[in-house]
Amino acid sequence: MARNSISPKVILLKGNGGITINNEMMELLTITLAHGCIGLPLKALYAENIYIVKDRETFWEIHKQIKEKPCCFVHAIDGLDEDDMKRIKAQNVTFV
């Protein structure tokens, strides 16, 4: 069943540095330290360095392996398709 534009995919985010998600600016380090991560619908995401983490287990531990700053770790439970990737803008996108 195809998703429609009314219900965007929910992604988990954590990391450090500022991001813009769905036209709202936020500081990921504060959220990550306080809550571990945040889940939001993916309408538009911009960050300087984005790591797309396919495996959920890896997502929870990725900050121990990758110490780059700033960085934004993204995990989508059902994965990201081509339309989702068009909503993500970054200077660097890396798949882990």
Protein backbone atom coordinates (compact mmCIF):
# COMPACT_ATOMS: atom_id res chain seq x y z
CA MET A 1 0.00 0.00 0.00
CA ALA A 2 1.50 3.33 -1.04
CA ARG A 3 1.82 6.17 1.41
CA ASN A 4 0.19 9.42 0.52
CA SER A 5 1.46 12.93 1.18
CA ILE A 6 -1.01 13.32 4.05
CA SER A 7 0.82 10.82 6.26
CA PRO A 8 4.61 11.28 6.12
CA LYS A 9 6.92 8.59 7.47
CA VAL A 10 7.99 8.91 11.10
CA ILE A 11 11.74 9.01 11.67
CA LEU A 12 13.87 8.81 14.80
CA LEU A 13 16.54 11.51 15.21
CA LYS A 14 19.47 11.96 17.55
CA GLY A 15 22.93 13.48 17.43
CA ASN A 16 24.49 16.87 18.01
CA GLY A 17 24.28 20.22 16.31
CA GLY A 18 21.42 22.19 14.89
CA ILE A 19 18.93 20.82 12.38
CA THR A 20 15.83 22.08 10.66
CA ILE A 21 12.98 19.58 10.64
CA ASN A 22 9.63 20.47 9.10
CA ASN A 23 10.60 24.16 9.10
CA GLU A 24 11.44 24.13 12.84
CA MET A 25 15.01 24.64 14.05
CA MET A 26 16.19 22.43 16.91
CA GLU A 27 19.36 21.50 18.73
CA LEU A 28 19.81 17.73 18.68
CA LEU A 29 22.33 17.50 21.52
CA THR A 30 19.81 18.80 24.06
CA ILE A 31 17.16 16.33 22.89
CA THR A 32 19.62 13.43 22.69
CA LEU A 33 21.00 14.00 26.19
CA ALA A 34 17.56 14.47 27.74
CA HIS A 35 15.53 11.85 25.88
CA GLY A 36 17.83 9.65 23.77
CA CYS A 37 16.09 10.57 20.53
CA ILE A 38 12.99 12.19 19.10
CA GLY A 39 10.45 10.82 16.64
CA LEU A 40 8.92 13.18 14.09
CA PRO A 41 7.17 12.98 10.72
CA LEU A 42 9.54 13.50 7.80
CA LYS A 43 8.23 16.39 5.74
CA ALA A 44 11.60 18.18 5.33
CA LEU A 45 14.95 17.68 7.06
CA TYR A 46 18.14 19.72 6.75
CA ALA A 47 21.35 19.10 8.66
CA GLU A 48 25.00 19.56 7.80
CA ASN A 49 25.95 15.87 8.15
CA ILE A 50 23.32 13.14 8.13
CA TYR A 51 23.92 9.49 8.86
CA ILE A 52 21.05 7.24 7.81
CA VAL A 53 21.18 4.20 10.07
CA LYS A 54 19.25 1.24 8.67
CA ASP A 55 19.43 -1.04 11.71
CA ARG A 56 17.63 0.01 14.90
CA GLU A 57 20.13 -1.72 17.21
CA THR A 58 22.96 0.19 15.51
CA PHE A 59 20.99 3.45 15.77
CA TRP A 60 20.98 3.25 19.58
CA GLU A 61 24.78 2.78 19.73
CA ILE A 62 25.99 4.76 16.67
CA HIS A 63 27.08 7.81 18.72
CA LYS A 64 29.80 5.61 20.30
CA GLN A 65 31.28 4.84 16.86
CA ILE A 66 30.84 8.17 15.05
CA LYS A 67 31.99 11.18 17.07
CA GLU A 68 31.73 13.76 14.26
CA LYS A 69 30.23 17.14 15.10
CA PRO A 70 27.78 18.29 13.99
CA CYS A 71 25.91 15.18 12.93
CA CYS A 72 22.35 13.93 12.75
CA PHE A 73 21.56 10.22 12.99
CA VAL A 74 18.31 9.17 11.29
CA HIS A 75 16.46 5.87 11.54
CA ALA A 76 13.17 5.01 9.86
CA ILE A 77 11.56 1.81 11.15
CA ASP A 78 10.22 0.94 7.69
CA GLY A 79 13.26 2.30 5.82
CA LEU A 80 13.42 5.34 3.56
CA ASP A 81 12.25 5.26 -0.03
CA GLU A 82 13.12 7.57 -2.92
CA ASP A 83 10.40 10.10 -2.01
CA ASP A 84 11.63 10.20 1.59
CA MET A 85 15.20 10.84 0.42
CA LYS A 86 14.01 13.85 -1.60
CA ARG A 87 12.88 15.40 1.70
CA ILE A 88 16.38 15.13 3.20
CA LYS A 89 18.95 17.82 2.42
CA ALA A 90 22.51 17.82 3.74
CA GLN A 91 26.05 18.67 2.75
CA ASN A 92 26.91 15.02 3.45
CA VAL A 93 24.62 11.98 3.63
CA THR A 94 26.15 8.67 4.70
CA PHE A 95 24.39 5.31 4.93
CA VAL A 96 25.39 3.14 7.89
